[in-house]
Protein backbone atom coordinates (compact mmCIF):
# COMPACT_ATOMS: atom_id res chain seq x y z
CA UNK A 1 82.47 71.78 157.99
CA UNK A 2 84.49 73.18 160.85
CA UNK A 3 83.40 75.08 163.90
CA UNK A 4 83.62 78.80 163.38
CA UNK A 5 86.36 80.71 165.24
CA UNK A 6 85.13 82.40 168.37
CA UNK A 7 85.93 82.87 172.06
CA UNK A 8 83.82 80.32 173.89
CA UNK A 9 82.62 79.54 177.38
CA UNK A 10 81.82 75.91 176.60
CA UNK A 11 83.49 72.79 175.09
CA UNK A 12 83.50 72.20 171.35
CA UNK A 13 80.59 70.22 169.97
CA UNK A 14 81.17 67.08 167.90
CA UNK A 15 81.71 67.89 164.22
CA UNK A 16 80.39 65.65 161.47
CA UNK A 17 81.47 65.43 157.86
CA UNK A 18 79.17 67.27 155.48
CA UNK A 19 78.50 64.16 153.45
CA UNK A 20 77.20 62.43 156.55
CA UNK A 21 75.20 65.53 157.39
CA UNK A 22 73.37 65.56 154.06
CA UNK A 23 72.64 61.89 154.40
CA UNK A 24 71.12 62.20 157.82
CA UNK A 25 69.06 65.28 156.89
CA UNK A 26 67.58 63.41 153.94
CA UNK A 27 66.97 60.34 156.06
CA UNK A 28 65.22 62.27 158.80
CA UNK A 29 62.99 63.95 156.26
CA UNK A 30 62.07 60.73 154.50
CA UNK A 31 61.76 58.27 157.38
CA UNK A 32 59.24 55.54 156.70
CA UNK A 33 57.99 53.57 159.68
CA UNK A 34 56.34 50.86 157.64
CA UNK A 35 57.74 47.37 158.30
CA UNK A 36 58.11 44.48 155.95
CA UNK A 37 59.02 46.75 153.00
CA UNK A 38 62.75 45.96 152.94
CA UNK A 39 65.53 44.15 154.73
CA UNK A 40 66.02 47.34 156.71
CA UNK A 41 62.73 46.62 158.47
CA UNK A 42 63.86 43.17 159.56
CA UNK A 43 64.21 42.48 163.27
CA UNK A 44 67.71 42.69 164.76
CA UNK A 45 66.61 42.07 168.35
CA UNK A 46 63.67 40.63 170.25
CA UNK A 47 62.30 41.92 173.54
CA UNK A 48 59.81 39.47 175.06
CA UNK A 49 58.86 38.48 171.55
CA UNK A 50 58.52 42.09 170.33
CA UNK A 51 60.86 42.83 167.39
CA UNK A 52 63.31 45.74 167.32
CA UNK A 53 64.04 46.58 163.69
CA UNK A 54 67.25 47.81 162.09
CA UNK A 55 65.29 50.82 160.88
CA UNK A 56 64.38 51.78 164.45
CA UNK A 57 68.01 51.41 165.53
CA UNK A 58 69.32 53.52 162.65
CA UNK A 59 66.69 56.22 163.16
CA UNK A 60 67.75 56.50 166.81
CA UNK A 61 71.39 56.92 165.74
CA UNK A 62 70.46 59.51 163.11
CA UNK A 63 68.41 61.47 165.63
CA UNK A 64 71.28 61.55 168.12
CA UNK A 65 73.81 62.56 165.46
CA UNK A 66 71.49 65.32 164.29
CA UNK A 67 71.13 66.66 167.84
CA UNK A 68 74.91 66.59 168.32
CA UNK A 69 75.48 68.50 165.10
CA UNK A 70 72.70 71.02 165.66
CA UNK A 71 72.14 71.54 169.40
CA UNK A 72 69.02 73.57 170.14
CA UNK A 73 69.64 77.30 169.90
CA UNK A 74 73.25 76.93 168.75
CA UNK A 75 73.18 75.30 165.34
CA UNK A 76 70.27 77.13 163.73
CA UNK A 77 72.35 78.91 161.08
CA UNK A 78 74.39 75.80 160.26
CA UNK A 79 71.21 73.73 160.02
CA UNK A 80 69.67 76.22 157.62
CA UNK A 81 72.80 76.14 155.44
CA UNK A 82 72.85 72.35 155.43
CA UNK A 83 69.16 72.12 154.54
CA UNK A 84 69.53 74.70 151.78
CA UNK A 85 72.51 72.89 150.28
CA UNK A 86 70.57 69.62 150.47
CA UNK A 87 67.69 71.30 148.63
CA UNK A 88 70.05 72.46 145.89
CA UNK A 89 71.51 68.96 145.58
CA UNK A 90 68.01 67.53 145.10
CA UNK A 91 67.16 70.29 142.62
CA UNK A 92 70.30 69.57 140.60
CA UNK A 93 69.54 65.85 140.52
CA UNK A 94 65.96 66.41 139.35
CA UNK A 95 66.96 68.89 136.65
CA UNK A 96 69.70 66.59 135.38
CA UNK A 97 67.34 63.62 135.15
CA UNK A 98 64.63 65.73 133.49
CA UNK A 99 66.96 67.05 130.78
CA UNK A 100 68.59 63.66 130.25
CA UNK A 101 65.22 61.97 129.74
CA UNK A 102 64.17 64.65 127.24
CA UNK A 103 67.31 63.85 125.23
CA UNK A 104 66.81 60.11 125.67
CA UNK A 105 70.16 59.83 127.42
CA UNK A 106 71.36 58.69 130.79
CA UNK A 107 72.21 61.53 133.21
CA UNK A 108 75.90 60.67 132.92
CA UNK A 109 75.86 60.72 129.11
CA UNK A 110 73.85 63.95 129.04
CA UNK A 111 76.35 65.71 131.33
CA UNK A 112 79.25 64.36 129.25
CA UNK A 113 77.65 65.77 126.12
CA UNK A 114 77.18 69.18 127.75
CA UNK A 115 80.79 69.29 128.92
CA UNK A 116 82.01 68.31 125.46
CA UNK A 117 80.51 71.56 124.12
CA UNK A 118 82.60 73.62 126.56
CA UNK A 119 86.24 74.58 125.95
CA UNK A 120 88.53 71.95 127.50
CA UNK A 121 90.67 72.80 130.51
CA UNK A 122 94.08 73.71 129.10
CA UNK A 123 97.56 73.88 130.57
CA UNK A 124 97.25 77.65 130.31
CA UNK A 125 94.08 77.56 132.44
CA UNK A 126 95.84 75.47 135.06
CA UNK A 127 98.86 77.77 135.11
CA UNK A 128 96.72 80.89 135.40
CA UNK A 129 94.76 79.42 138.30
CA UNK A 130 97.97 78.46 140.10
CA UNK A 131 99.40 81.96 139.63
CA UNK A 132 96.22 83.69 140.82
CA UNK A 133 95.96 81.54 143.95
CA UNK A 134 99.61 80.90 144.76
CA UNK A 135 99.41 82.75 148.09
CA UNK A 136 96.78 80.26 149.27
CA UNK A 137 99.02 77.24 148.61
CA UNK A 138 101.84 76.03 150.91
CA UNK A 139 105.19 77.74 150.17
CA UNK A 140 106.69 74.50 148.87
CA UNK A 141 103.80 73.86 146.44
CA UNK A 142 104.72 73.68 142.75
CA UNK A 143 102.67 73.86 139.58
CA UNK A 144 103.82 70.38 138.56
CA UNK A 145 102.64 68.88 141.84
CA UNK A 146 99.27 70.65 141.78
CA UNK A 147 98.44 70.57 138.08
CA UNK A 148 96.36 67.40 138.42
CA UNK A 149 94.17 68.56 141.33
CA UNK A 150 93.79 72.01 139.75
CA UNK A 151 92.70 70.49 136.43
CA UNK A 152 90.16 68.31 138.23
CA UNK A 153 88.87 71.31 140.18
CA UNK A 154 88.43 73.37 137.01
CA UNK A 155 86.61 70.49 135.35
CA UNK A 156 84.26 70.31 138.34
CA UNK A 157 83.67 74.05 137.99
CA UNK A 158 82.54 73.39 134.41
CA UNK A 159 80.02 70.86 135.72
CA UNK A 160 78.81 73.38 138.27
CA UNK A 161 78.37 75.88 135.45
CA UNK A 162 76.09 73.44 133.64
CA UNK A 163 74.04 72.93 136.80
CA UNK A 164 73.82 76.67 137.41
CA UNK A 165 72.51 77.20 133.88
CA UNK A 166 69.82 74.54 134.46
CA UNK A 167 68.72 76.28 137.65
CA UNK A 168 68.55 79.66 135.92
CA UNK A 169 66.32 78.22 133.19
CA UNK A 170 63.98 76.55 135.71
CA UNK A 171 61.41 78.11 138.00
CA UNK A 172 62.69 77.58 141.53
CA UNK A 173 61.14 79.02 144.68
CA UNK A 174 62.76 78.15 148.03
CA UNK A 175 60.59 78.86 151.06
CA UNK A 176 62.81 77.21 153.66
CA UNK A 177 62.17 79.11 156.92
CA UNK A 178 64.94 80.43 159.14
CA UNK A 179 64.87 80.27 162.92
CA UNK A 180 64.84 83.83 164.21
CA UNK A 181 65.48 85.08 167.73
CA UNK A 182 64.17 88.50 168.75
CA UNK A 183 67.09 90.62 170.03
CA UNK A 184 66.70 94.22 171.18
CA UNK A 185 68.71 96.57 168.93
CA UNK A 186 70.00 98.79 171.73
CA UNK A 187 73.50 100.20 171.73
CA UNK A 188 75.88 102.15 169.51
CA UNK A 189 75.07 101.62 165.85
CA UNK A 190 76.25 102.13 162.30
CA UNK A 191 73.53 102.70 159.72
CA UNK A 192 70.00 104.12 159.80
CA UNK A 193 67.15 102.86 161.95
CA UNK A 194 65.13 102.45 158.74
CA UNK A 195 67.53 99.81 157.36
CA UNK A 196 65.94 96.60 156.11
CA UNK A 197 68.64 94.49 157.77
CA UNK A 198 69.78 94.81 161.37
CA UNK A 199 72.91 93.02 162.55
CA UNK A 200 73.38 92.81 166.30
CA UNK A 201 76.84 91.83 167.48
CA UNK A 202 77.71 90.60 170.96
CA UNK A 203 81.43 91.22 171.34
CA UNK A 204 84.37 91.20 173.76
CA UNK A 205 87.25 93.64 173.29
CA UNK A 206 89.77 91.07 174.53
CA UNK A 207 88.57 88.31 172.19
CA UNK A 208 91.00 87.85 169.25
CA UNK A 209 88.24 86.63 166.95
CA UNK A 210 86.22 89.77 167.65
CA UNK A 211 89.23 91.82 166.59
CA UNK A 212 89.53 89.72 163.44
CA UNK A 213 85.95 90.41 162.40
CA UNK A 214 85.99 94.15 163.23
CA UNK A 215 87.20 95.20 159.74
CA UNK A 216 84.45 93.04 158.25
CA UNK A 217 81.86 95.02 160.21
CA UNK A 218 83.17 98.28 158.80
CA UNK A 219 83.19 96.82 155.29
CA UNK A 220 79.55 95.76 155.64
CA UNK A 221 78.64 99.28 156.76
CA UNK A 222 80.47 100.73 153.75
CA UNK A 223 78.80 98.35 151.29
CA UNK A 224 75.29 98.87 152.64
CA UNK A 225 75.11 102.40 154.08
CA UNK A 226 71.32 102.60 153.78
CA UNK A 227 70.26 98.95 153.92
CA UNK A 228 72.12 97.61 156.96
CA UNK A 229 72.22 98.78 160.58
CA UNK A 230 74.92 97.28 162.83
CA UNK A 231 74.36 97.41 166.59
CA UNK A 232 77.13 96.66 169.08
CA UNK A 233 76.34 94.96 172.40
CA UNK A 234 78.80 93.94 175.11
CA UNK A 235 79.64 90.40 176.16
CA UNK A 236 82.92 90.54 178.15
CA UNK A 237 83.72 86.92 178.95
CA UNK A 238 84.64 85.94 182.50
CA UNK A 239 88.13 84.67 181.58
CA UNK A 240 89.09 87.94 179.86
CA UNK A 241 90.13 90.04 182.86
CA UNK A 242 90.39 93.36 181.05
CA UNK A 243 87.37 93.04 178.77
CA UNK A 244 84.84 94.52 181.17
CA UNK A 245 86.91 97.65 181.81
CA UNK A 246 87.34 98.07 178.06
CA UNK A 247 83.58 97.78 177.65
CA UNK A 248 83.03 100.51 180.23
CA UNK A 249 85.57 102.73 178.48
CA UNK A 250 83.93 102.27 175.09
CA UNK A 251 80.57 103.26 176.56
CA UNK A 252 82.14 106.36 178.04
CA UNK A 253 83.70 107.25 174.70
CA UNK A 254 80.27 106.78 173.18
CA UNK A 255 78.89 109.29 175.65
CA UNK A 256 81.08 111.78 173.78
CA UNK A 257 80.07 110.45 170.34
CA UNK A 258 83.31 108.59 169.80
CA UNK A 259 82.30 104.96 170.37
CA UNK A 260 83.40 103.56 167.02
CA UNK A 261 86.68 105.44 167.04
CA UNK A 262 87.39 104.09 170.51
CA UNK A 263 86.16 100.63 169.45
CA UNK A 264 88.78 100.59 166.69
CA UNK A 265 91.56 101.70 169.04
CA UNK A 266 90.72 98.92 171.50
CA UNK A 267 90.82 96.21 168.86
CA UNK A 268 93.99 97.64 167.33
CA UNK A 269 95.68 97.54 170.75
CA UNK A 270 94.14 94.40 172.18
CA UNK A 271 97.21 93.50 174.26
CA UNK A 272 97.12 96.86 176.01
CA UNK A 273 93.77 97.20 177.76
CA UNK A 274 94.94 98.11 181.25
CA UNK A 275 93.38 101.15 182.89
CA UNK A 276 96.25 103.46 181.99
CA UNK A 277 95.93 102.40 178.36
CA UNK A 278 92.19 103.05 178.38
CA UNK A 279 92.83 106.55 179.65
CA UNK A 280 95.51 107.06 177.02
CA UNK A 281 93.14 106.13 174.20
CA UNK A 282 90.63 108.64 175.55
CA UNK A 283 93.32 111.31 175.49
CA UNK A 284 94.27 110.33 171.93
CA UNK A 285 90.68 111.04 170.90
CA UNK A 286 90.77 114.31 172.86
CA UNK A 287 87.84 113.35 175.04
CA UNK A 288 86.81 115.39 178.07
CA UNK A 289 88.81 113.42 180.63
CA UNK A 290 86.84 114.54 183.68
CA UNK A 291 83.61 113.34 182.12
CA UNK A 292 85.28 110.15 180.88
CA UNK A 293 86.67 109.24 184.30
CA UNK A 294 83.35 109.96 186.01
CA UNK A 295 81.55 107.76 183.48
CA UNK A 296 84.00 104.89 184.04
CA UNK A 297 82.89 104.50 187.67
CA UNK A 298 79.23 105.42 187.21
CA UNK A 299 76.73 102.70 188.19
CA UNK A 300 74.81 103.41 184.99
CA UNK A 301 77.81 102.29 182.93
CA UNK A 302 78.08 99.00 184.82
CA UNK A 303 74.33 98.50 184.44
CA UNK A 304 74.51 98.87 180.65
CA UNK A 305 77.14 96.12 180.38
CA UNK A 306 75.25 93.91 182.82
CA UNK A 307 72.08 94.33 180.75
CA UNK A 308 73.92 93.29 177.58
CA UNK A 309 75.38 90.22 179.29
CA UNK A 310 71.94 89.23 180.54
CA UNK A 311 70.44 89.75 177.06
CA UNK A 312 73.16 87.56 175.52
CA UNK A 313 72.34 84.76 177.93
CA UNK A 314 68.64 85.01 177.13
CA UNK A 315 69.25 84.53 173.38
CA UNK A 316 71.85 81.78 173.77
CA UNK A 317 74.97 83.78 172.89
CA UNK A 318 77.60 82.03 175.00
CA UNK A 319 80.73 82.96 173.01
CA UNK A 320 82.05 85.87 171.02
CA UNK A 321 81.61 87.20 168.46
CA UNK A 322 77.95 86.27 168.17
CA UNK A 323 75.76 87.89 165.52
CA UNK A 324 72.03 88.07 164.89
CA UNK A 325 71.16 89.10 161.32
CA UNK A 326 67.50 90.05 161.44
CA UNK A 327 67.32 87.55 164.29
CA UNK A 328 69.25 84.77 162.51
CA UNK A 329 72.14 83.56 164.64
CA UNK A 330 75.68 83.47 163.21
CA UNK A 331 78.51 82.27 165.41
CA UNK A 332 82.16 83.27 165.14
CA UNK A 333 84.39 85.44 162.98
CA UNK A 334 82.83 84.64 159.63
CA UNK A 335 84.18 86.02 156.34
CA UNK A 336 82.35 88.87 154.70
CA UNK A 337 80.96 86.49 152.04
CA UNK A 338 78.82 84.82 154.72
CA UNK A 339 77.34 88.12 155.84
CA UNK A 340 76.98 89.36 152.27
CA UNK A 341 75.00 86.27 151.26
CA UNK A 342 72.64 86.62 154.20
CA UNK A 343 72.19 90.35 153.66
CA UNK A 344 71.36 89.82 149.99
CA UNK A 345 68.86 87.14 150.92
CA UNK A 346 67.22 89.36 153.52
CA UNK A 347 67.06 92.30 151.11
CA UNK A 348 65.51 90.10 148.44
CA UNK A 349 62.89 88.93 150.93
CA UNK A 350 62.15 92.52 151.89
CA UNK A 351 61.85 93.56 148.27
CA UNK A 352 65.19 95.29 148.38
């Protein structure tokens, strides 16, 4: 699981493999302090005759690894995703064992029997998958070289289909809570105030990752015109010398009801954010230039940006883009599938 792309003010945190992550989450949730129950409880050190057990040592390591992976206020969304995936892994294991026992089979034999009832993966299936996804493979990749991995992947998809069917037939209720941070929804917005889901974005017009996610924001607004409200707040980073001026200019365009049009021009021309360019974009939109220029130097404009920067610091948004979906923190230029999944989950919780 890699760090999400974003413009950052701080060093990268240590990344752990997801397999290790699941292991440590399970271990932290099931820690047993009782001694004498296994070799794990045996002493590995003595301090003035007091034993230090291997379990105590390992729990300390697990706790430190967990903190590194999910630093307070920065890994809330990733932690939720990891916990939810761990829940689904446990659910799948329990359902597999339950159905295998009912058939008087081992879990492995039961799964094998289920897969045997499905159509086998054919050469045609492999070829079709390669053709459909060829743009995602390296240019030098060939069907012959990838046929084995593709066949294995398709077989794994069949197994996932069996697990999905088991889940659909079971009664499953997940009440895993999310960490939510209250963030004021003040600023230019897309969508109605009555929307069930509010997405607040802290962004920087000079940040390349913010430009990358801008089309995603418009797509979300198009998909959920009544259910989602998207609010833009400013976080020009200190090492982006032209970002603050661009923020001022966007506010001034917003004063003439053209914020989003100006927003799109800034991201489309991210390498040209000097003052003369900002004025040119205003002229392109046929704004009242006298009002625009007066707004650019108005103390109220500077105060709005300063307030957004202060608000970002208060909620732990140190890099851009930073999103809060009904208060749930998402870091970086995530694909629309990430937002879509969260929106669907929030709508389901709101009865949408």
